[in-house]
Amino acid sequence: MEEKLQGQIDEISRIFKLQQEYKHQLRQATAKERKDKLKRLMAVILENSEAIGEAIYKDFRKPYEEVLVTEIVPLISSIKHSLKNLNNWMKPK
C-alpha cells in the first residue's frame, strides 16, 4: 500500500514539474494560439456535455438539466468572455 501511495506521489510530483517547466512556453503564446485553445476547449465541452452530465450524475446525483445550468453554461460563458476580452488583457501595461 505504501509503495502504491509513493508511486502516486512521485507521479504527481513529475506532472507538477512538467507543468512548471511548460508555463514559460505558455507565456509566449500569441492571442491567436490562446484563442484557438479556448475554442478547442469549448468544442470538446459541448461535444461531451452529455458524458460530463452522466459523470456528474453518477458522482453527485445532480440531474443533467442542473449540470447544464450550473456547470456547462457558465463554463461556456466564461470561455466566450475570455475570447472576447483576450486581446485587451494581453495588451502591454
Protein backbone atom coordinates (compact mmCIF):
# COMPACT_ATOMS: atom_id res chain seq x y z
CA MET A 1 0.00 0.00 0.00
CA GLU A 2 2.79 2.44 0.88
CA GLU A 3 4.57 1.66 -2.40
CA LYS A 4 1.41 2.45 -4.37
CA LEU A 5 0.94 5.70 -2.47
CA GLN A 6 4.58 6.67 -3.00
CA GLY A 7 4.21 5.89 -6.71
CA GLN A 8 1.19 8.19 -6.90
CA ILE A 9 3.04 10.95 -5.05
CA ASP A 10 6.01 10.57 -7.41
CA GLU A 11 3.70 10.76 -10.44
CA ILE A 12 2.01 13.91 -9.13
CA SER A 13 5.43 15.47 -8.48
CA ARG A 14 6.57 14.55 -12.00
CA ILE A 15 3.47 16.09 -13.60
CA PHE A 16 3.77 19.23 -11.47
CA LYS A 17 7.40 19.64 -12.52
CA LEU A 18 6.43 19.31 -16.19
CA GLN A 19 3.71 21.93 -15.73
CA GLN A 20 6.18 24.30 -14.06
CA GLU A 21 8.58 23.89 -16.98
CA TYR A 22 5.80 24.38 -19.55
CA LYS A 23 4.45 27.60 -18.02
CA HIS A 24 7.27 29.60 -19.60
CA GLN A 25 6.21 28.41 -23.05
CA LEU A 26 2.60 29.31 -22.30
CA ARG A 27 3.58 32.89 -21.52
CA GLN A 28 4.94 33.21 -25.05
CA ALA A 29 1.69 32.06 -26.69
CA THR A 30 0.08 34.58 -29.02
CA ALA A 31 -3.51 35.73 -28.68
CA LYS A 32 -4.39 33.62 -31.72
CA GLU A 33 -2.86 30.50 -30.18
CA ARG A 34 -4.68 31.10 -26.91
CA LYS A 35 -7.97 31.72 -28.70
CA ASP A 36 -7.53 28.52 -30.71
CA LYS A 37 -7.02 26.56 -27.48
CA LEU A 38 -10.09 28.14 -25.90
CA LYS A 39 -12.18 27.36 -28.99
CA ARG A 40 -10.99 23.74 -28.94
CA LEU A 41 -11.78 23.51 -25.23
CA MET A 42 -15.27 24.89 -25.83
CA ALA A 43 -15.87 22.43 -28.66
CA VAL A 44 -14.76 19.48 -26.53
CA ILE A 45 -17.01 20.56 -23.66
CA LEU A 46 -20.01 20.97 -25.96
CA GLU A 47 -19.35 17.69 -27.78
CA ASN A 48 -19.07 15.84 -24.46
CA SER A 49 -21.68 17.66 -22.40
CA GLU A 50 -23.87 14.56 -22.10
CA ALA A 51 -20.95 12.41 -20.92
CA ILE A 52 -19.94 15.15 -18.48
CA GLY A 53 -23.52 15.27 -17.23
CA GLU A 54 -23.61 11.49 -16.80
CA ALA A 55 -20.35 11.51 -14.84
CA ILE A 56 -21.55 14.27 -12.54
CA TYR A 57 -24.85 12.45 -12.06
CA LYS A 58 -23.02 9.24 -11.11
CA ASP A 59 -20.82 11.09 -8.63
CA PHE A 60 -23.26 13.60 -7.14
CA ARG A 61 -26.75 12.59 -8.36
CA LYS A 62 -27.03 16.00 -10.00
CA PRO A 63 -29.60 15.90 -12.86
CA TYR A 64 -28.37 16.72 -16.37
CA GLU A 65 -30.50 19.88 -16.61
CA GLU A 66 -28.93 21.17 -13.41
CA VAL A 67 -25.45 20.30 -14.72
CA LEU A 68 -26.20 22.35 -17.84
CA VAL A 69 -27.39 25.36 -15.85
CA THR A 70 -24.76 25.28 -13.12
CA GLU A 71 -21.70 23.78 -14.81
CA ILE A 72 -21.74 23.73 -18.63
CA VAL A 73 -23.42 27.06 -19.46
CA PRO A 74 -21.32 29.11 -17.00
CA LEU A 75 -18.15 27.48 -18.29
CA ILE A 76 -19.04 28.18 -21.93
CA SER A 77 -19.96 31.76 -20.99
CA SER A 78 -16.61 32.18 -19.28
CA ILE A 79 -14.76 30.88 -22.34
CA LYS A 80 -16.72 33.24 -24.62
CA HIS A 81 -15.95 36.15 -22.27
CA SER A 82 -12.25 35.23 -22.41
CA LEU A 83 -12.32 35.02 -26.21
CA LYS A 84 -13.94 38.45 -26.39
CA ASN A 85 -11.51 40.13 -23.98
CA LEU A 86 -8.24 38.29 -24.56
CA ASN A 87 -6.72 40.90 -26.87
CA ASN A 88 -7.30 43.66 -24.29
CA TRP A 89 -5.96 41.52 -21.47
CA MET A 90 -2.77 40.85 -23.42
CA LYS A 91 -2.02 44.49 -24.20
CA PRO A 92 1.17 45.71 -22.52
CA LYS A 93 0.55 47.75 -19.39
